[in-house]
Protein backbone atom coordinates (compact mmCIF):
# COMPACT_ATOMS: atom_id res chain seq x y z
CA MET A 1 95.57 93.97 100.81
CA ASP A 2 98.90 94.06 98.59
CA ILE A 3 99.21 97.88 98.80
CA ALA A 4 99.00 97.57 102.72
CA LYS A 5 101.71 94.90 102.69
CA PHE A 6 103.73 97.12 100.31
CA PHE A 7 103.28 100.11 102.87
CA TYR A 8 104.32 98.00 105.91
CA LYS A 9 107.21 96.00 104.26
CA ASN A 10 108.77 99.33 102.79
CA TYR A 11 108.04 101.21 105.94
CA LEU A 12 105.88 104.06 104.11
CA ASN A 13 105.11 107.02 106.14
CA GLU A 14 101.99 109.04 106.03
CA ARG A 15 103.25 111.60 103.38
CA GLN A 16 104.91 108.89 101.24
CA ARG A 17 101.51 106.85 101.40
CA GLU A 18 99.66 110.02 100.34
CA LEU A 19 102.13 110.49 97.17
CA PHE A 20 101.45 106.91 96.08
CA PHE A 21 97.76 107.02 96.26
CA LYS A 22 97.87 110.74 94.51
CA ILE A 23 100.01 108.75 91.70
CA TYR A 24 98.20 105.79 91.70
CA LEU A 25 94.53 106.77 91.78
CA ASP A 26 95.32 108.60 88.68
CA ASP A 27 95.35 105.15 86.97
CA ILE A 28 93.08 103.27 88.81
CA GLU A 29 89.44 104.25 89.07
CA ASP A 30 88.19 102.79 92.61
CA PRO A 31 87.46 105.54 95.36
CA THR A 32 87.40 102.73 98.01
CA ILE A 33 90.88 101.68 97.71
CA ILE A 34 92.10 104.18 100.33
CA PHE A 35 89.47 102.82 103.02
CA ARG A 36 90.12 99.12 102.02
CA THR A 37 93.95 99.79 102.48
CA ALA A 38 93.47 101.62 105.51
CA THR A 39 91.28 98.55 107.00
CA TYR A 40 93.74 95.92 105.73
CA TYR A 41 96.86 97.69 107.27
CA PRO A 42 96.38 97.02 110.85
CA LEU A 43 95.83 93.34 109.94
CA ILE A 44 99.09 92.90 108.07
CA VAL A 45 100.76 94.64 111.21
CA LEU A 46 98.82 92.16 113.48
CA SER A 47 99.86 89.29 111.36
CA SER A 48 103.46 90.26 111.22
CA LEU A 49 103.54 90.52 115.07
CA LEU A 50 102.13 87.19 115.48
CA TRP A 51 104.63 85.64 113.03
CA ARG A 52 107.33 87.67 115.11
CA LEU A 53 106.31 86.54 118.46
CA ARG A 54 106.23 82.42 117.02
CA PHE A 55 109.80 83.12 115.71
CA LEU A 56 111.21 84.39 118.79
CA ASN A 57 109.04 82.05 121.17
CA ILE A 58 108.91 78.90 119.40
CA ASP A 59 111.72 78.77 116.44
CA ILE A 60 114.75 79.73 118.45
CA LYS A 61 113.63 77.06 121.10
CA GLU A 62 113.70 74.46 118.29
CA HIS A 63 116.36 75.36 116.18
CA PRO A 64 119.20 76.45 118.69
CA ASP A 65 121.61 76.69 115.41
CA ILE A 66 120.25 80.01 114.89
CA GLU A 67 123.24 81.99 115.96
CA ASN A 68 122.70 85.66 114.15
CA GLN A 69 121.73 87.68 116.94
CA ALA A 70 121.57 90.62 115.05
CA ASP A 71 118.40 89.28 113.20
CA ILE A 72 117.14 88.37 116.53
CA GLU A 73 117.16 92.01 117.49
CA LEU A 74 115.51 93.25 114.42
CA VAL A 75 112.54 90.75 114.76
CA ARG A 76 112.53 92.09 118.73
CA ASP A 77 112.37 95.84 117.20
CA ARG A 78 110.00 95.43 114.75
CA LEU A 79 107.78 93.26 117.16
CA LYS A 80 108.03 96.08 119.37
CA ASP A 81 107.12 98.76 116.73
CA ASP A 82 104.30 96.46 115.67
CA TYR A 83 102.73 96.27 119.15
CA GLU A 84 103.06 99.99 119.69
CA TYR A 85 101.32 100.70 116.65
CA LEU A 86 98.50 98.33 117.39
CA MET A 87 98.06 100.06 120.79
CA SER A 88 98.05 103.30 119.22
CA ILE A 89 95.13 102.50 117.11
CA THR A 90 92.98 100.70 119.68
CA ARG A 91 93.34 104.05 121.87
CA LEU A 92 91.14 106.23 119.25
């Protein structure tokens, strides 16, 4: 799960993930790690999406002193990205 979160938090694309596993698997002898990471990644994205929804729909209303519109826009943009990713994998 930590690897999936690392990929998500650092915006690693597919090629970067492949390079990571190539190097990582030289030291770690666990053939299930790629499968487990692929399983956890959508859960990390879903968790993030739910947190962002809560932030945008509850926290801002409860804390009107939040004035940094740029941060709010970043949250909205990432929420959209998370949603689009989750929708793309449900169409498979």
